[in-house]
C-alpha cells in the first residue's frame, strides 16, 4: 500500500470516529440528566457539580442538581421524583450505599440509566465513577505508618475525625486502619464523629485534642473533617505536637502544610469525576458502550508537591 493511500484511509477512519462522536453528542442534545448530590457545603461536591455542569453545557443537555443536605431519605425521594419526571439519566453520590439500592433499581426498571459517583454500590450493575476509597485509605495509612517509623520511633497515639454517617468515609477509615497496621506501635486511641459538617467536625476535633494530651497524629476522612480539624488544632494551640493526615485539599489545609502540622492530604479530582460521570450518562443515553468502573486518579499531596495546587484554592 502506498503511503498516500494509507494516509487517505487513516484520514477517513479518523473523520468517521470524529463524526460518530459529534453524532452521539447531538443525539443527547435536549435531554435532561439529574444529579443527586450529598450536600453543597463541601468544596469537593461543588467542584464535582462544576465538572458535570461543564460537560452538560458542552453536550447541550440540561442538568438538574438536587442537594440532599446529608439526608439519605432525601436522596431516595429525589430519585423517585426524577423517575416520575422521566429524566433521561440519573447521577447519584450516595450517602447510604445500601439504602439507595431500591431507588436505583426502580430507575432502571423505568429505563433510566444510573451512574454512581464516588461511592461504590456493591452488587449494583450501574456505571461507577470515582476512586477506590479502601485502597487509597490504605495508601494514606501506609504513608502515615512510614512517617511514624521514620519520625516517631515506631510508636504513635492516633485520633480520627470521621463522618460515621458516611459509608464512603467509613471505608476510608477501614483502609487507613489496614495501612497503619504495618506498624504495631501505632494505635488509634479515639474516633470522633464530625458528621460531614465542618462546624461539627471542628467541635468534635477540639474535644478529641483536649481529651487526649498525648495525641500525636489525627486522621480526617473527608474535607469538612479536615478543615474542622485544622481549625481545632490551631484553636487548641496544638500545632506543635499534632500532625494531621487526611482527605481533600482546601485553602486551610494548604496553610497547614506550609506551617508544617498538616503532613499529607489525599487530593482527588472531583471536577474530573463530575465530568466523567456526565459523559458516561450521555453514552448510556445513546446506547453506546461504557466501562462499568471508571477510575479517576488521586495524588497524596505533601510539602514537596503542594505548589501546583495553590492556584486552585486561592
Protein backbone atom coordinates (compact mmCIF):
# COMPACT_ATOMS: atom_id res chain seq x y z
CA UNK A 1 0.00 0.00 0.00
CA UNK A 2 1.36 3.42 -0.90
CA UNK A 3 1.99 5.98 1.85
CA UNK A 4 -0.53 8.33 0.21
CA UNK A 5 -3.27 5.65 0.15
CA UNK A 6 -2.53 4.68 3.74
CA UNK A 7 -2.79 8.34 4.77
CA UNK A 8 -6.15 8.75 2.97
CA UNK A 9 -7.56 5.63 4.69
CA UNK A 10 -6.37 6.79 8.09
CA UNK A 11 -7.95 10.19 7.45
CA UNK A 12 -11.29 8.54 6.62
CA UNK A 13 -11.15 6.44 9.81
CA UNK A 14 -10.35 9.48 11.97
CA UNK A 15 -13.07 11.56 10.34
CA UNK A 16 -15.57 8.73 10.83
CA UNK A 17 -14.70 8.47 14.52
CA UNK A 18 -14.99 12.23 14.88
CA UNK A 19 -18.38 12.28 13.14
CA UNK A 20 -19.64 9.45 15.37
CA UNK A 21 -18.63 11.42 18.47
CA UNK A 22 -20.39 14.52 17.17
CA UNK A 23 -23.47 12.46 16.30
CA UNK A 24 -23.51 11.00 19.82
CA UNK A 25 -23.41 14.44 21.37
CA UNK A 26 -26.09 15.70 19.02
CA UNK A 27 -28.32 12.74 19.91
CA UNK A 28 -28.07 13.72 23.59
CA UNK A 29 -28.85 17.39 22.97
CA UNK A 30 -32.07 18.43 24.65
CA UNK A 31 -32.02 15.52 27.09
CA UNK A 32 -32.37 16.03 30.85
CA UNK A 33 -29.98 14.48 33.37
CA UNK A 34 -30.49 14.67 37.14
CA UNK A 35 -27.66 14.66 39.69
CA UNK A 36 -28.49 13.69 43.28
CA UNK A 37 -25.71 15.24 45.39
CA UNK A 38 -24.78 14.76 49.08
CA UNK A 39 -24.50 18.45 50.03
CA UNK A 40 -23.50 21.85 48.72
CA UNK A 41 -21.24 22.77 51.64
CA UNK A 42 -18.09 20.80 50.84
CA UNK A 43 -15.90 22.22 48.09
CA UNK A 44 -15.38 18.65 46.89
CA UNK A 45 -19.04 18.36 45.95
CA UNK A 46 -19.33 21.82 44.42
CA UNK A 47 -16.27 21.10 42.25
CA UNK A 48 -17.90 17.83 41.19
CA UNK A 49 -21.02 19.79 40.27
CA UNK A 50 -18.93 22.21 38.20
CA UNK A 51 -17.35 19.36 36.24
CA UNK A 52 -20.76 17.87 35.48
CA UNK A 53 -22.19 21.29 34.56
CA UNK A 54 -19.33 22.00 32.14
CA UNK A 55 -19.78 18.62 30.45
CA UNK A 56 -23.56 19.14 30.25
CA UNK A 57 -23.12 22.54 28.65
CA UNK A 58 -20.68 21.17 26.10
CA UNK A 59 -23.13 18.40 25.18
CA UNK A 60 -26.20 20.62 25.10
CA UNK A 61 -28.05 18.67 27.79
CA UNK A 62 -29.99 20.02 30.77
CA UNK A 63 -28.57 19.17 34.20
CA UNK A 64 -30.64 19.40 37.38
CA UNK A 65 -28.73 19.11 40.69
CA UNK A 66 -30.52 18.08 43.89
CA UNK A 67 -28.95 18.95 47.26
CA UNK A 68 -29.71 16.17 49.77
CA UNK A 69 -28.28 18.06 52.76
CA UNK A 70 -26.69 14.83 54.08
CA UNK A 71 -30.09 13.08 54.29
CA UNK A 72 -30.23 9.54 52.78
CA UNK A 73 -34.03 9.51 52.66
CA UNK A 74 -33.99 12.78 50.71
CA UNK A 75 -31.80 11.07 48.11
CA UNK A 76 -34.29 8.22 47.71
CA UNK A 77 -37.19 10.65 47.43
CA UNK A 78 -35.31 12.72 44.84
CA UNK A 79 -34.67 9.67 42.65
CA UNK A 80 -38.36 8.72 42.85
CA UNK A 81 -39.30 12.24 41.79
CA UNK A 82 -36.88 12.19 38.86
CA UNK A 83 -38.31 8.81 37.77
CA UNK A 84 -41.79 10.39 37.71
CA UNK A 85 -40.39 13.32 35.71
CA UNK A 86 -38.95 10.79 33.23
CA UNK A 87 -35.45 12.24 33.15
CA UNK A 88 -33.07 10.60 30.69
CA UNK A 89 -30.35 9.61 33.19
CA UNK A 90 -29.54 9.96 36.89
CA UNK A 91 -26.18 10.59 38.56
CA UNK A 92 -26.02 9.88 42.29
CA UNK A 93 -23.40 10.45 45.00
CA UNK A 94 -24.81 8.05 47.58
CA UNK A 95 -24.80 8.68 51.32
CA UNK A 96 -26.14 5.22 52.20
CA UNK A 97 -24.94 2.81 49.52
CA UNK A 98 -27.25 0.04 50.68
CA UNK A 99 -30.30 2.20 51.32
CA UNK A 100 -30.06 3.73 47.84
CA UNK A 101 -30.25 0.37 46.01
CA UNK A 102 -34.08 0.08 45.80
CA UNK A 103 -34.35 3.58 44.28
CA UNK A 104 -31.63 2.78 41.73
CA UNK A 105 -33.42 -0.46 40.86
CA UNK A 106 -36.67 1.44 40.30
CA UNK A 107 -34.91 3.90 38.00
CA UNK A 108 -33.55 1.06 35.90
CA UNK A 109 -36.96 -0.61 35.73
CA UNK A 110 -38.21 2.69 34.31
CA UNK A 111 -35.50 2.52 31.65
CA UNK A 112 -33.42 5.33 33.19
CA UNK A 113 -29.65 4.66 33.27
CA UNK A 114 -27.86 5.41 36.55
CA UNK A 115 -24.25 6.46 37.14
CA UNK A 116 -22.96 6.33 40.72
CA UNK A 117 -20.14 8.67 41.69
CA UNK A 118 -17.51 8.24 44.41
CA UNK A 119 -19.45 5.69 46.49
CA UNK A 120 -19.33 2.09 45.28
CA UNK A 121 -22.76 0.46 45.39
CA UNK A 122 -21.90 -3.23 45.78
CA UNK A 123 -23.93 -5.68 43.75
CA UNK A 124 -25.31 -2.93 41.54
CA UNK A 125 -24.57 -3.07 37.81
CA UNK A 126 -24.60 0.70 37.32
CA UNK A 127 -21.62 2.52 35.89
CA UNK A 128 -19.40 3.64 38.78
CA UNK A 129 -17.09 6.67 38.67
CA UNK A 130 -14.55 7.55 41.33
CA UNK A 131 -11.65 6.24 43.37
CA UNK A 132 -11.06 3.03 45.27
CA UNK A 133 -11.62 4.54 48.72
CA UNK A 134 -10.47 1.42 50.56
CA UNK A 135 -7.19 1.20 48.65
CA UNK A 136 -6.43 4.93 48.85
CA UNK A 137 -7.31 4.90 52.57
CA UNK A 138 -4.77 2.11 52.94
CA UNK A 139 -2.23 4.12 50.92
CA UNK A 140 -2.51 7.15 53.22
CA UNK A 141 -2.36 4.72 56.16
CA UNK A 142 0.91 3.28 54.84
CA UNK A 143 2.26 6.79 54.33
CA UNK A 144 1.38 7.55 57.96
CA UNK A 145 2.97 4.29 59.11
CA UNK A 146 6.19 5.20 57.35
CA UNK A 147 6.10 8.65 58.97
CA UNK A 148 5.70 7.02 62.38
CA UNK A 149 8.63 4.68 61.76
CA UNK A 150 10.84 7.47 60.44
CA UNK A 151 9.97 10.31 62.83
CA UNK A 152 8.32 8.86 65.94
CA UNK A 153 10.35 5.75 66.67
CA UNK A 154 7.65 3.37 65.51
CA UNK A 155 5.06 4.37 68.12
CA UNK A 156 2.18 6.86 67.96
CA UNK A 157 -1.18 7.66 69.50
CA UNK A 158 -3.63 8.38 66.68
CA UNK A 159 -7.02 10.08 66.67
CA UNK A 160 -9.66 10.08 63.93
CA UNK A 161 -12.16 12.74 62.90
CA UNK A 162 -14.65 10.84 60.77
CA UNK A 163 -18.18 11.08 59.41
CA UNK A 164 -19.86 8.00 60.82
CA UNK A 165 -22.99 8.65 58.73
CA UNK A 166 -20.94 8.36 55.52
CA UNK A 167 -20.35 4.89 54.09
CA UNK A 168 -17.52 6.23 51.92
CA UNK A 169 -15.66 7.79 54.83
CA UNK A 170 -16.07 4.66 56.94
CA UNK A 171 -14.46 2.70 54.09
CA UNK A 172 -11.60 5.21 54.07
CA UNK A 173 -11.17 4.62 57.80
CA UNK A 174 -11.08 0.85 57.31
CA UNK A 175 -8.38 1.28 54.67
CA UNK A 176 -6.39 3.60 56.94
CA UNK A 177 -6.50 1.05 59.77
CA UNK A 178 -5.15 -1.61 57.42
CA UNK A 179 -2.34 0.73 56.34
CA UNK A 180 -1.14 1.65 59.81
CA UNK A 181 -1.35 -2.00 60.94
CA UNK A 182 2.12 -2.43 59.43
CA UNK A 183 3.42 -0.57 62.49
CA UNK A 184 2.45 -2.43 65.70
CA UNK A 185 3.23 0.62 67.84
CA UNK A 186 0.65 2.79 66.06
CA UNK A 187 -2.64 2.82 67.98
CA UNK A 188 -5.94 4.59 67.30
CA UNK A 189 -6.94 5.84 70.74
CA UNK A 190 -10.15 7.71 69.87
CA UNK A 191 -12.55 8.35 66.99
CA UNK A 192 -14.97 11.30 66.93
CA UNK A 193 -17.87 11.99 64.57
CA UNK A 194 -17.88 15.24 62.58
CA UNK A 195 -20.99 14.12 60.64
CA UNK A 196 -19.57 15.57 57.40
CA UNK A 197 -20.31 19.10 58.65
CA UNK A 198 -17.39 21.49 59.15
CA UNK A 199 -18.54 23.20 62.36
CA UNK A 200 -19.45 19.91 64.00
CA UNK A 201 -16.14 18.42 62.90
CA UNK A 202 -14.25 21.33 64.49
CA UNK A 203 -16.06 20.93 67.80
CA UNK A 204 -15.50 17.17 67.77
CA UNK A 205 -11.82 17.65 66.92
CA UNK A 206 -11.33 20.20 69.71
CA UNK A 207 -12.82 17.73 72.18
CA UNK A 208 -10.59 14.96 70.79
CA UNK A 209 -7.41 17.02 71.14
CA UNK A 210 -8.19 18.38 74.61
CA UNK A 211 -9.16 14.95 75.95
CA UNK A 212 -6.00 13.27 74.60
CA UNK A 213 -2.94 15.35 75.52
CA UNK A 214 -0.58 12.63 74.23
CA UNK A 215 -2.15 12.58 70.76
CA UNK A 216 0.47 12.75 68.00
CA UNK A 217 -1.42 12.15 64.74
CA UNK A 218 -5.01 12.77 63.67
CA UNK A 219 -6.61 11.37 60.51
CA UNK A 220 -9.52 13.20 58.85
CA UNK A 221 -11.67 11.13 56.49
CA UNK A 222 -13.12 13.97 54.37
CA UNK A 223 -13.00 17.67 53.53
CA UNK A 224 -15.29 19.03 56.31
CA UNK A 225 -13.45 16.86 58.85
CA UNK A 226 -10.06 18.05 57.64
CA UNK A 227 -10.96 21.76 57.63
CA UNK A 228 -12.55 21.43 61.06
CA UNK A 229 -9.52 19.56 62.36
CA UNK A 230 -7.07 22.17 61.05
CA UNK A 231 -9.07 24.91 62.79
CA UNK A 232 -9.33 22.89 66.00
CA UNK A 233 -5.61 22.15 66.11
CA UNK A 234 -4.85 25.86 65.85
CA UNK A 235 -7.54 26.79 68.39
CA UNK A 236 -6.15 24.25 70.88
CA UNK A 237 -2.61 25.56 70.30
CA UNK A 238 -1.63 22.01 69.36
CA UNK A 239 0.12 22.62 66.02
CA UNK A 240 3.46 21.85 67.64
CA UNK A 241 2.50 18.37 68.89
CA UNK A 242 -0.17 17.08 66.49
CA UNK A 243 0.41 16.08 62.88
CA UNK A 244 -2.54 15.80 60.52
CA UNK A 245 -3.22 13.50 57.58
CA UNK A 246 -6.50 13.35 55.68
CA UNK A 247 -8.59 13.78 52.56
CA UNK A 248 -9.30 16.67 50.20
CA UNK A 249 -7.27 19.84 49.89
CA UNK A 250 -8.57 23.28 50.82
CA UNK A 251 -7.01 26.69 51.41
CA UNK A 252 -6.95 25.84 55.13
CA UNK A 253 -5.19 22.52 54.52
CA UNK A 254 -2.56 24.18 52.33
CA UNK A 255 -1.84 26.71 55.08
CA UNK A 256 -1.42 23.77 57.45
CA UNK A 257 1.01 22.09 55.06
CA UNK A 258 3.01 25.33 54.83
CA UNK A 259 3.03 25.62 58.63
CA UNK A 260 4.24 22.03 58.94
CA UNK A 261 1.46 20.44 61.02
CA UNK A 262 -0.51 19.04 58.06
CA UNK A 263 1.69 16.24 56.75
CA UNK A 264 -0.21 14.64 53.85
CA UNK A 265 -3.58 15.06 52.13
CA UNK A 266 -5.27 12.81 49.59
CA UNK A 267 -6.32 15.02 46.69
CA UNK A 268 -8.98 13.66 44.41
CA UNK A 269 -10.22 15.15 41.14
CA UNK A 270 -13.88 15.91 41.92
CA UNK A 271 -14.30 18.05 38.82
CA UNK A 272 -12.97 15.20 36.73
CA UNK A 273 -15.37 12.79 38.45
CA UNK A 274 -18.35 15.01 37.66
CA UNK A 275 -17.27 15.41 34.05
CA UNK A 276 -16.63 11.67 33.60
CA UNK A 277 -19.99 10.77 35.14
CA UNK A 278 -21.94 13.17 32.93
CA UNK A 279 -20.16 11.94 29.81
CA UNK A 280 -20.82 8.33 30.82
CA UNK A 281 -24.52 9.15 31.23
CA UNK A 282 -24.62 10.62 27.71
CA UNK A 283 -23.11 7.42 26.31
CA UNK A 284 -25.70 5.35 28.16
CA UNK A 285 -28.50 7.54 26.80
CA UNK A 286 -27.11 6.96 23.30
CA UNK A 287 -26.81 3.18 23.90
CA UNK A 288 -23.05 3.36 23.48
CA UNK A 289 -20.62 1.06 25.36
CA UNK A 290 -19.35 2.38 28.70
CA UNK A 291 -16.80 0.94 31.12
CA UNK A 292 -18.51 -0.30 34.29
CA UNK A 293 -15.80 1.15 36.55
CA UNK A 294 -14.28 4.47 35.54
CA UNK A 295 -11.30 5.23 37.76
CA UNK A 296 -10.25 8.82 38.47
CA UNK A 297 -6.68 9.02 39.88
CA UNK A 298 -5.64 10.67 43.17
CA UNK A 299 -2.45 12.28 44.49
CA UNK A 300 -1.04 12.33 48.02
CA UNK A 301 -0.10 15.98 48.50
CA UNK A 302 2.76 16.95 50.82
CA UNK A 303 5.02 19.96 51.22
CA UNK A 304 7.06 18.61 48.29
CA UNK A 305 4.26 18.87 45.68
CA UNK A 306 1.69 21.28 47.13
CA UNK A 307 2.83 24.16 44.91
CA UNK A 308 0.90 23.00 41.86
CA UNK A 309 -2.38 23.15 43.79
CA UNK A 310 -2.12 26.64 45.27
CA UNK A 311 -3.85 28.43 42.40
CA UNK A 312 -6.91 26.19 42.70
CA UNK A 313 -7.59 27.22 46.29
CA UNK A 314 -6.81 30.93 46.25
